[in-house]
C-alpha atoms as a PDB file:
ATOM      1  CA  MET A   1       0.000   0.000   0.000  1.00  0.00           C
ATOM      2  CA  ILE A   2       1.417   3.396  -1.028  1.00  0.00           C
ATOM      3  CA  TYR A   3       0.278   6.777   0.270  1.00  0.00           C
ATOM      4  CA  PHE A   4       1.251   9.795  -1.864  1.00  0.00           C
ATOM      5  CA  VAL A   5       2.209  12.659   0.434  1.00  0.00           C
ATOM      6  CA  SER A   6       3.157  15.150  -2.281  1.00  0.00           C
ATOM      7  CA  GLY A   7       3.847  15.371  -5.984  1.00  0.00           C
ATOM      8  CA  SER A   8       1.927  14.096  -8.985  1.00  0.00           C
ATOM      9  CA  GLY A   9       2.219  11.705 -11.896  1.00  0.00           C
ATOM     10  CA  CYS A  10       0.850   8.446 -13.228  1.00  0.00           C
ATOM     11  CA  ILE A  11       1.142   4.956 -11.831  1.00  0.00           C
ATOM     12  CA  SER A  12       0.575   1.816 -13.860  1.00  0.00           C
ATOM     13  CA  LEU A  13      -0.991  -1.347 -12.465  1.00  0.00           C
ATOM     14  CA  GLY A  14      -0.836  -4.140 -14.983  1.00  0.00           C
ATOM     15  CA  GLU A  15      -2.689  -2.848 -18.041  1.00  0.00           C
ATOM     16  CA  GLN A  16      -4.278   0.087 -16.198  1.00  0.00           C
ATOM     17  CA  GLU A  17      -2.903   3.541 -15.546  1.00  0.00           C
ATOM     18  CA  HIS A  18      -3.993   5.878 -12.763  1.00  0.00           C
ATOM     19  CA  ARG A  19      -3.387   9.546 -12.121  1.00  0.00           C
ATOM     20  CA  ILE A  20      -2.052  10.219  -8.628  1.00  0.00           C
ATOM     21  CA  THR A  21      -2.121  13.404  -6.544  1.00  0.00           C
ATOM     22  CA  PRO A  22      -1.365  14.223  -2.881  1.00  0.00           C
ATOM     23  CA  GLY A  23      -3.712  12.153  -0.718  1.00  0.00           C
ATOM     24  CA  SER A  24      -3.997   9.279  -3.200  1.00  0.00           C
ATOM     25  CA  LEU A  25      -3.788   5.814  -1.660  1.00  0.00           C
ATOM     26  CA  LEU A  26      -2.758   2.857  -3.798  1.00  0.00           C
ATOM     27  CA  LEU A  27      -3.406  -0.793  -2.991  1.00  0.00           C
ATOM     28  CA  VAL A  28      -1.073  -3.099  -4.925  1.00  0.00           C
ATOM     29  CA  LYS A  29      -2.547  -6.594  -4.934  1.00  0.00           C
ATOM     30  CA  PRO A  30      -0.428  -9.765  -5.082  1.00  0.00           C
ATOM     31  CA  ARG A  31       1.584 -10.319  -8.261  1.00  0.00           C
ATOM     32  CA  ARG A  32       0.483  -7.007  -9.819  1.00  0.00           C
ATOM     33  CA  LEU A  33       3.215  -5.305 -11.830  1.00  0.00           C
ATOM     34  CA  HIS A  34       3.317  -1.600 -11.048  1.00  0.00           C
ATOM     35  CA  GLY A  35       5.424   1.399 -11.922  1.00  0.00           C
ATOM     36  CA  LEU A  36       5.463   5.153 -11.291  1.00  0.00           C
ATOM     37  CA  SER A  37       5.936   7.891 -13.896  1.00  0.00           C
ATOM     38  CA  PRO A  38       6.243  11.123 -11.886  1.00  0.00           C
ATOM     39  CA  SER A  39       5.560  14.543 -13.361  1.00  0.00           C
ATOM     40  CA  SER A  40       7.073  16.229 -10.296  1.00  0.00           C
ATOM     41  CA  GLN A  41       9.037  15.205  -7.231  1.00  0.00           C
ATOM     42  CA  VAL A  42       6.980  12.584  -5.393  1.00  0.00           C
ATOM     43  CA  LYS A  43       7.079  11.774  -1.675  1.00  0.00           C
ATOM     44  CA  THR A  44       5.407   8.576  -0.521  1.00  0.00           C
ATOM     45  CA  LEU A  45       4.785   6.410   2.511  1.00  0.00           C
ATOM     46  CA  ASP A  46       4.512   2.714   1.785  1.00  0.00           C
ATOM     47  CA  ILE A  47       4.083  -0.551   3.612  1.00  0.00           C
ATOM     48  CA  LYS A  48       4.221  -4.211   2.602  1.00  0.00           C
ATOM     49  CA  PHE A  49       2.132  -6.741   4.465  1.00  0.00           C
ATOM     50  CA  LEU A  50       0.722 -10.241   4.370  1.00  0.00           C
ATOM     51  CA  VAL A  51      -2.965 -10.774   5.200  1.00  0.00           C
ATOM     52  CA  LYS A  52      -3.674 -14.174   6.721  1.00  0.00           C
ATOM     53  CA  ASP A  53      -7.309 -13.549   7.653  1.00  0.00           C
ATOM     54  CA  THR A  54      -9.359 -15.099   4.832  1.00  0.00           C
ATOM     55  CA  SER A  55     -12.337 -12.737   5.043  1.00  0.00           C
ATOM     56  CA  LEU A  56     -10.200  -9.602   5.116  1.00  0.00           C
ATOM     57  CA  ARG A  57      -8.051 -10.909   2.266  1.00  0.00           C
ATOM     58  CA  LYS A  58     -11.118 -11.476   0.064  1.00  0.00           C
ATOM     59  CA  LEU A  59     -12.386  -7.964   0.731  1.00  0.00           C
ATOM     60  CA  LEU A  60      -9.016  -6.446  -0.151  1.00  0.00           C
ATOM     61  CA  LEU A  61      -8.756  -8.468  -3.358  1.00  0.00           C
ATOM     62  CA  CYS A  62     -12.150  -7.105  -4.415  1.00  0.00           C
ATOM     63  CA  ALA A  63     -11.370  -3.506  -3.405  1.00  0.00           C
ATOM     64  CA  SER A  64     -10.465  -0.689  -5.772  1.00  0.00           C
ATOM     65  CA  ASP A  65      -6.827  -0.215  -6.719  1.00  0.00           C
ATOM     66  CA  LEU A  66      -6.732   3.493  -5.924  1.00  0.00           C
ATOM     67  CA  LEU A  67      -8.533   5.937  -3.650  1.00  0.00           C
ATOM     68  CA  ASP A  68      -8.194   9.531  -4.831  1.00  0.00           C
ATOM     69  CA  GLU A  69      -9.043  11.304  -1.592  1.00  0.00           C
ATOM     70  CA  THR A  70      -8.371   9.834   1.836  1.00  0.00           C
ATOM     71  CA  ASP A  71      -8.649  10.971   5.430  1.00  0.00           C
ATOM     72  CA  ALA A  72      -5.668  12.804   6.912  1.00  0.00           C
ATOM     73  CA  GLY A  73      -5.426  10.099   9.572  1.00  0.00           C
ATOM     74  CA  ILE A  74      -4.207   7.626   6.950  1.00  0.00           C
ATOM     75  CA  ALA A  75      -0.777   9.263   6.769  1.00  0.00           C
ATOM     76  CA  ASP A  76      -0.618   9.246  10.580  1.00  0.00           C
ATOM     77  CA  LEU A  77      -1.166   5.466  10.638  1.00  0.00           C
ATOM     78  CA  PHE A  78       1.710   4.955   8.203  1.00  0.00           C
ATOM     79  CA  GLU A  79       3.970   7.104  10.384  1.00  0.00           C
ATOM     80  CA  ARG A  80       2.973   5.321  13.590  1.00  0.00           C
ATOM     81  CA  ILE A  81       3.763   1.934  12.048  1.00  0.00           C
ATOM     82  CA  ARG A  82       7.141   3.234  10.870  1.00  0.00           C
ATOM     83  CA  ASN A  83       7.965   4.790  14.244  1.00  0.00           C
ATOM     84  CA  GLU A  84       7.067   1.627  16.173  1.00  0.00           C
ATOM     85  CA  GLY A  85       9.124  -0.469  13.765  1.00  0.00           C
ATOM     86  CA  GLU A  86      12.163   1.748  14.212  1.00  0.00           C
ATOM     87  CA  ARG A  87      11.923   2.107  18.009  1.00  0.00           C
ATOM     88  CA  LYS A  88      11.028  -1.548  18.668  1.00  0.00           C
ATOM     89  CA  GLY A  89       9.546  -0.785  22.052  1.00  0.00           C
ATOM     90  CA  HIS A  90       7.634  -3.198  24.272  1.00  0.00           C
ATOM     91  CA  LEU A  91       4.866  -4.975  22.282  1.00  0.00           C
ATOM     92  CA  TYR A  92       5.722  -2.978  19.165  1.00  0.00           C
ATOM     93  CA  ARG A  93       4.677  -5.825  16.866  1.00  0.00           C
ATOM     94  CA  GLU A  94       1.233  -5.937  18.424  1.00  0.00           C
ATOM     95  CA  LEU A  95       0.865  -2.175  18.024  1.00  0.00           C
ATOM     96  CA  CYS A  96       1.982  -2.352  14.404  1.00  0.00           C
ATOM     97  CA  ASN A  97      -0.606  -5.055  13.756  1.00  0.00           C
ATOM     98  CA  LEU A  98      -3.337  -2.895  15.302  1.00  0.00           C
ATOM     99  CA  PHE A  99      -2.352   0.165  13.252  1.00  0.00           C
ATOM    100  CA  LEU A 100      -2.187  -1.926  10.083  1.00  0.00           C
ATOM    101  CA  ALA A 101      -5.623  -3.441  10.734  1.00  0.00           C
ATOM    102  CA  GLU A 102      -7.046   0.055  11.249  1.00  0.00           C
ATOM    103  CA  LEU A 103      -5.375   1.213   8.037  1.00  0.00           C
ATOM    104  CA  LEU A 104      -6.855  -1.638   5.985  1.00  0.00           C
ATOM    105  CA  ILE A 105     -10.310  -1.208   7.484  1.00  0.00           C
ATOM    106  CA  CYS A 106     -10.212   2.541   6.766  1.00  0.00           C
ATOM    107  CA  TYR A 107      -9.298   1.723   3.163  1.00  0.00           C
ATOM    108  CA  LEU A 108     -12.207  -0.692   2.778  1.00  0.00           C
ATOM    109  CA  ARG A 109     -14.675   1.713   4.378  1.00  0.00           C
ATOM    110  CA  SER A 110     -13.562   4.550   2.103  1.00  0.00           C
ATOM    111  CA  ASP A 111     -13.822   2.257  -0.911  1.00  0.00           C
ATOM    112  CA  ASN A 112     -17.319   1.099   0.051  1.00  0.00           C
ATOM    113  CA  PRO A 113     -18.915   4.012   1.920  1.00  0.00           C
ATOM    114  CA  GLN A 114     -22.154   3.716   3.824  1.00  0.00           C
ATOM    115  CA  PRO A 115     -25.354   4.489   1.917  1.00  0.00           C
ATOM    116  CA  GLU A 116     -26.060   8.159   1.452  1.00  0.00           C
ATOM    117  CA  VAL A 117     -28.948   7.916   3.933  1.00  0.00           C
ATOM    118  CA  SER A 118     -27.260   6.633   7.080  1.00  0.00           C
ATOM    119  CA  SER A 119     -29.946   6.309   9.730  1.00  0.00           C
ATOM    120  CA  ASN A 120     -33.666   5.727  10.138  1.00  0.00           C
ATOM    121  CA  GLU A 121     -33.973   8.989  12.052  1.00  0.00           C
ATOM    122  CA  GLN A 122     -32.489  10.936   9.145  1.00  0.00           C
ATOM    123  CA  ILE A 123     -34.792   9.165   6.706  1.00  0.00           C
ATOM    124  CA  GLU A 124     -37.917   9.807   8.785  1.00  0.00           C
ATOM    125  CA  HIS A 125     -36.985  13.460   9.240  1.00  0.00           C
ATOM    126  CA  ALA A 126     -36.440  13.886   5.491  1.00  0.00           C
ATOM    127  CA  LEU A 127     -39.693  12.090   4.669  1.00  0.00           C
ATOM    128  CA  SER A 128     -41.736  14.230   7.046  1.00  0.00           C
ATOM    129  CA  SER A 129     -40.365  17.390   5.444  1.00  0.00           C
ATOM    130  CA  ASP A 130     -41.539  16.494   1.928  1.00  0.00           C
ATOM    131  CA  PRO A 131     -45.095  15.121   1.434  1.00  0.00           C
ATOM    132  CA  ILE A 132     -44.334  13.966  -2.108  1.00  0.00           C
ATOM    133  CA  VAL A 133     -41.345  11.894  -0.997  1.00  0.00           C
ATOM    134  CA  GLN A 134     -43.267  10.651   2.036  1.00  0.00           C
ATOM    135  CA  GLN A 135     -46.129   9.375  -0.125  1.00  0.00           C
ATOM    136  CA  ALA A 136     -43.776   7.878  -2.709  1.00  0.00           C
ATOM    137  CA  ALA A 137     -41.613   6.184  -0.059  1.00  0.00           C
ATOM    138  CA  GLN A 138     -44.690   4.706   1.602  1.00  0.00           C
ATOM    139  CA  PHE A 139     -45.752   3.214  -1.727  1.00  0.00           C
ATOM    140  CA  ILE A 140     -42.256   1.810  -2.301  1.00  0.00           C
ATOM    141  CA  ARG A 141     -42.213   0.177   1.139  1.00  0.00           C
ATOM    142  CA  GLU A 142     -45.617  -1.395   0.647  1.00  0.00           C
ATOM    143  CA  HIS A 143     -44.783  -2.692  -2.850  1.00  0.00           C
ATOM    144  CA  HIS A 144     -41.024  -3.298  -2.598  1.00  0.00           C
ATOM    145  CA  ALA A 145     -41.470  -7.007  -3.391  1.00  0.00           C
ATOM    146  CA  GLU A 146     -43.230  -6.160  -6.661  1.00  0.00           C
ATOM    147  CA  ASP A 147     -42.012  -4.644  -9.909  1.00  0.00           C
ATOM    148  CA  CYS A 148     -42.032  -1.168  -8.402  1.00  0.00           C
ATOM    149  CA  SER A 149     -41.091   1.139 -11.265  1.00  0.00           C
ATOM    150  CA  LEU A 150     -40.533   4.880 -11.049  1.00  0.00           C
ATOM    151  CA  LEU A 151     -43.456   5.369 -13.437  1.00  0.00           C
ATOM    152  CA  ALA A 152     -45.766   3.541 -11.030  1.00  0.00           C
ATOM    153  CA  VAL A 153     -44.505   5.628  -8.107  1.00  0.00           C
ATOM    154  CA  ALA A 154     -44.991   8.862 -10.060  1.00  0.00           C
ATOM    155  CA  ARG A 155     -48.520   7.830 -10.997  1.00  0.00           C
ATOM    156  CA  VAL A 156     -49.416   7.307  -7.324  1.00  0.00           C
ATOM    157  CA  VAL A 157     -48.240  10.768  -6.228  1.00  0.00           C
ATOM    158  CA  GLY A 158     -49.617  12.487  -9.323  1.00  0.00           C
ATOM    159  CA  ARG A 159     -46.302  13.899 -10.491  1.00  0.00           C
ATOM    160  CA  SER A 160     -43.935  13.241 -13.373  1.00  0.00           C
ATOM    161  CA  ASP A 161     -41.159  10.688 -12.880  1.00  0.00           C
ATOM    162  CA  ARG A 162     -38.609  13.485 -13.296  1.00  0.00           C
ATOM    163  CA  HIS A 163     -40.336  15.543 -10.602  1.00  0.00           C
ATOM    164  CA  VAL A 164     -40.360  12.603  -8.162  1.00  0.00           C
ATOM    165  CA  ARG A 165     -36.707  11.808  -8.859  1.00  0.00           C
ATOM    166  CA  GLN A 166     -35.686  15.388  -8.118  1.00  0.00           C
ATOM    167  CA  HIS A 167     -37.626  15.430  -4.844  1.00  0.00           C
ATOM    168  CA  PHE A 168     -35.877  12.235  -3.722  1.00  0.00           C
ATOM    169  CA  LYS A 169     -32.497  13.690  -4.588  1.00  0.00           C
ATOM    170  CA  ASP A 170     -33.244  16.882  -2.643  1.00  0.00           C
ATOM    171  CA  ALA A 171     -34.763  15.180   0.426  1.00  0.00           C
ATOM    172  CA  LEU A 172     -32.790  11.938   0.743  1.00  0.00           C
ATOM    173  CA  GLY A 173     -29.802  12.375  -1.508  1.00  0.00           C
ATOM    174  CA  VAL A 174     -30.684   9.246  -3.503  1.00  0.00           C
ATOM    175  CA  SER A 175     -32.888   8.339  -6.436  1.00  0.00           C
ATOM    176  CA  PRO A 176     -36.187   6.448  -5.952  1.00  0.00           C
ATOM    177  CA  ARG A 177     -34.555   3.404  -7.514  1.00  0.00           C
ATOM    178  CA  ARG A 178     -31.677   3.577  -5.054  1.00  0.00           C
ATOM    179  CA  TYR A 179     -34.076   4.027  -2.140  1.00  0.00           C
ATOM    180  CA  LEU A 180     -35.985   0.934  -3.286  1.00  0.00           C
ATOM    181  CA  LEU A 181     -32.752  -1.076  -3.492  1.00  0.00           C
ATOM    182  CA  GLN A 182     -31.665   0.039  -0.013  1.00  0.00           C
ATOM    183  CA  TYR A 183     -35.049  -0.896   1.433  1.00  0.00           C
ATOM    184  CA  ARG A 184     -34.953  -4.323  -0.223  1.00  0.00           C
ATOM    185  CA  ILE A 185     -31.487  -4.980   1.178  1.00  0.00           C
ATOM    186  CA  GLN A 186     -32.646  -3.866   4.632  1.00  0.00           C
ATOM    187  CA  LYS A 187     -35.581  -6.306   4.538  1.00  0.00           C
ATOM    188  CA  ALA A 188     -33.272  -9.051   3.244  1.00  0.00           C
ATOM    189  CA  GLN A 189     -30.900  -8.485   6.175  1.00  0.00           C
ATOM    190  CA  GLU A 190     -33.800  -8.921   8.601  1.00  0.00           C
ATOM    191  CA  LEU A 191     -34.926 -12.154   6.933  1.00  0.00           C
ATOM    192  CA  ILE A 192     -31.380 -13.529   6.900  1.00  0.00           C
ATOM    193  CA  GLU A 193     -30.898 -12.751  10.591  1.00  0.00           C
ATOM    194  CA  TYR A 194     -34.270 -13.818  11.938  1.00  0.00           C
ATOM    195  CA  SER A 195     -35.357 -16.670   9.671  1.00  0.00           C
ATOM    196  CA  ASP A 196     -33.963 -19.804   8.083  1.00  0.00           C
ATOM    197  CA  TYR A 197     -35.412 -19.121   4.638  1.00  0.00           C
ATOM    198  CA  PRO A 198     -33.168 -20.182   1.728  1.00  0.00           C
ATOM    199  CA  PHE A 199     -31.504 -17.240  -0.001  1.00  0.00           C
ATOM    200  CA  LYS A 200     -33.458 -17.858  -3.206  1.00  0.00           C
ATOM    201  CA  GLU A 201     -36.707 -17.491  -1.278  1.00  0.00           C
ATOM    202  CA  ILE A 202     -35.454 -14.375   0.520  1.00  0.00           C
ATOM    203  CA  ALA A 203     -34.491 -12.851  -2.828  1.00  0.00           C
ATOM    204  CA  ALA A 204     -38.016 -13.396  -4.144  1.00  0.00           C
ATOM    205  CA  LYS A 205     -39.640 -12.086  -0.953  1.00  0.00           C
ATOM    206  CA  VAL A 206     -37.840  -8.736  -1.163  1.00  0.00           C
ATOM    207  CA  GLY A 207     -38.318  -8.210  -4.887  1.00  0.00           C
ATOM    208  CA  PHE A 208     -35.272  -9.623  -6.688  1.00  0.00           C
ATOM    209  CA  LYS A 209     -36.065 -11.667  -9.764  1.00  0.00           C
ATOM    210  CA  THR A 210     -32.916 -13.812  -9.628  1.00  0.00           C
ATOM    211  CA  ILE A 211     -30.651 -15.055  -6.852  1.00  0.00           C
ATOM    212  CA  HIS A 212     -27.640 -13.830  -8.836  1.00  0.00           C
ATOM    213  CA  HIS A 213     -28.925 -10.238  -8.926  1.00  0.00           C
ATOM    214  CA  PHE A 214     -29.739 -10.439  -5.221  1.00  0.00           C
ATOM    215  CA  ALA A 215     -26.309 -11.793  -4.268  1.00  0.00           C
ATOM    216  CA  ARG A 216     -24.510  -9.135  -6.313  1.00  0.00           C
ATOM    217  CA  ALA A 217     -26.620  -6.256  -4.962  1.00  0.00           C
ATOM    218  CA  PHE A 218     -26.295  -7.513  -1.382  1.00  0.00           C
ATOM    219  CA  HIS A 219     -22.510  -7.780  -1.667  1.00  0.00           C
ATOM    220  CA  GLU A 220     -22.226  -4.286  -3.132  1.00  0.00           C
ATOM    221  CA  ALA A 221     -24.373  -2.798  -0.358  1.00  0.00           C
ATOM    222  CA  CYS A 222     -23.054  -4.773   2.633  1.00  0.00           C
ATOM    223  CA  GLY A 223     -19.527  -5.701   1.622  1.00  0.00           C
ATOM    224  CA  GLU A 224     -20.177  -9.432   1.963  1.00  0.00           C
ATOM    225  CA  THR A 225     -22.357 -12.191   0.574  1.00  0.00           C
ATOM    226  CA  PRO A 226     -25.742 -13.175   2.052  1.00  0.00           C
ATOM    227  CA  GLY A 227     -24.092 -16.384   3.293  1.00  0.00           C
ATOM    228  CA  GLY A 228     -21.324 -14.402   4.968  1.00  0.00           C
ATOM    229  CA  TRP A 229     -23.880 -12.114   6.571  1.00  0.00           C
ATOM    230  CA  ARG A 230     -25.794 -15.076   8.026  1.00  0.00           C
ATOM    231  CA  ARG A 231     -22.615 -16.748   9.309  1.00  0.00           C
ATOM    232  CA  LYS A 232     -21.493 -13.473  10.858  1.00  0.00           C
ATOM    233  CA  TYR A 233     -24.812 -13.041  12.643  1.00  0.00           C
ATOM    234  CA  GLN A 234     -25.017 -16.651  13.801  1.00  0.00           C
ATOM    235  CA  ALA A 235     -21.440 -16.478  15.115  1.00  0.00           C
ATOM    236  CA  GLY A 236     -22.145 -13.279  17.035  1.00  0.00           C
ATOM    237  CA  ILE A 237     -23.238 -12.645  20.563  1.00  0.00           C
ATOM    238  CA  CYS A 238     -26.866 -13.457  19.758  1.00  0.00           C
ATOM    239  CA  LYS A 239     -26.178 -17.188  19.888  1.00  0.00           C
ATOM    240  CA  ASP A 240     -24.886 -16.903  23.466  1.00  0.00           C
ATOM    241  CA  VAL A 241     -27.951 -15.098  24.805  1.00  0.00           C
ATOM    242  CA  ASN A 242     -30.309 -17.294  26.795  1.00  0.00           C
ATOM    243  CA  ILE A 243     -33.340 -15.694  28.448  1.00  0.00           C
ATOM    244  CA  ASP A 244     -34.963 -17.891  31.070  1.00  0.00           C
ATOM    245  CA  PRO A 245     -37.515 -16.371  33.481  1.00  0.00           C
ATOM    246  CA  ARG A 246     -36.818 -19.152  36.019  1.00  0.00           C
ATOM    247  CA  PHE A 247     -33.321 -17.768  36.735  1.00  0.00           C
ATOM    248  CA  VAL A 248     -32.626 -15.084  39.342  1.00  0.00           C
ATOM    249  CA  ASN A 249     -29.474 -13.545  40.795  1.00  0.00           C
ATOM    250  CA  THR A 250     -28.699 -14.782  44.311  1.00  0.00           C
ATOM    251  CA  ASN A 251     -25.925 -13.689  46.700  1.00  0.00           C
ATOM    252  CA  TRP A 252     -24.078 -16.365  48.589  1.00  0.00           C
ATOM    253  CA  THR A 253     -21.083 -16.354  50.919  1.00  0.00           C
ATOM    254  CA  VAL A 254     -18.250 -18.850  51.097  1.00  0.00           C
ATOM    255  CA  GLN A 255     -16.759 -19.284  54.583  1.00  0.00           C
ATOM    256  CA  GLU A 256     -13.196 -20.555  54.978  1.00  0.00           C
ATOM    257  CA  ASN A 257     -12.437 -21.509  58.587  1.00  0.00           C
ATOM    258  CA  SER A 258      -9.101 -23.225  58.190  1.00  0.00           C
ATOM    259  CA  VAL A 259      -5.988 -21.649  59.678  1.00  0.00           C
ATOM    260  CA  GLY A 260      -4.365 -19.064  57.464  1.00  0.00           C
ATOM    261  CA  SER A 261      -7.368 -18.919  55.172  1.00  0.00           C
ATOM    262  CA  SER A 262      -8.578 -15.719  53.580  1.00  0.00           C
ATOM    263  CA  PRO A 263     -11.540 -13.851  55.080  1.00  0.00           C
ATOM    264  CA  SER A 264     -15.099 -14.565  53.986  1.00  0.00           C
ATOM    265  CA  ARG A 265     -15.931 -13.450  50.472  1.00  0.00           C
ATOM    266  CA  ALA A 266     -19.158 -13.065  48.477  1.00  0.00           C
ATOM    267  CA  ALA A 267     -19.912 -14.033  44.918  1.00  0.00           C
ATOM    268  CA  LEU A 268     -22.830 -13.393  42.593  1.00  0.00           C
ATOM    269  CA  ILE A 269     -24.316 -16.336  40.720  1.00  0.00           C
ATOM    270  CA  ALA A 270     -27.377 -17.151  38.672  1.00  0.00           C
ATOM    271  CA  LYS A 271     -29.552 -19.725  40.435  1.00  0.00           C
ATOM    272  CA  PRO A 272     -32.972 -21.158  39.528  1.00  0.00           C
ATOM    273  CA  GLN A 273     -35.873 -20.525  41.898  1.00  0.00           C
END
């Protein structure tokens, strides 16, 4: 990975060529030939690494080769890794690993940003401020599993498709089609997490005509496949939660009377009634 601190020029990656400017961040994937043709003096920070985590490796292999604009904290992560490597203080390898993981995650998040509408509160606020969008969005939600075209939405609100599209852009920052896709993915996530429906059935339930289109759209929106999403959820904390109304918390005290023993101590345990 190469961060361009200053200068400009072109960098080639295999058959492709990219223009670089200060702030550009390049990800050179395994066995990719690359070369720099500077048009001015170029200063860079670079790091070579090996990713052993399978999931992270797959995401990086699918990521873009170059990010044009990156957060200023990226350069700081490069410098912190370099400084720790040079000083070799206590647990410096562990710190370098943490900084590198943060660097890679920042890259992936910048490459696949969150949807333009980031929270339900923001959506509801935007909907309430525009009656046309509110009515159109309600129709989309109620008919998201059908062939919900922009023409059908426009007909419901009594406006032209161009007029509806512009209202969505102004209120939510996305097109009606994009809003529909986001809502379908949201409903698919819920079905994946809280049901054991096959993915083909989930795809049909949320409005995708083919499992291939569903899988591709889900991966683009969530950064992983529907199968990966289900495995991630099933492997999470939810599987360790067990709610049983018969259990209560009870205090008990352990007495140790032998010579030289420690004083009495209390512990908190879960005990059935």
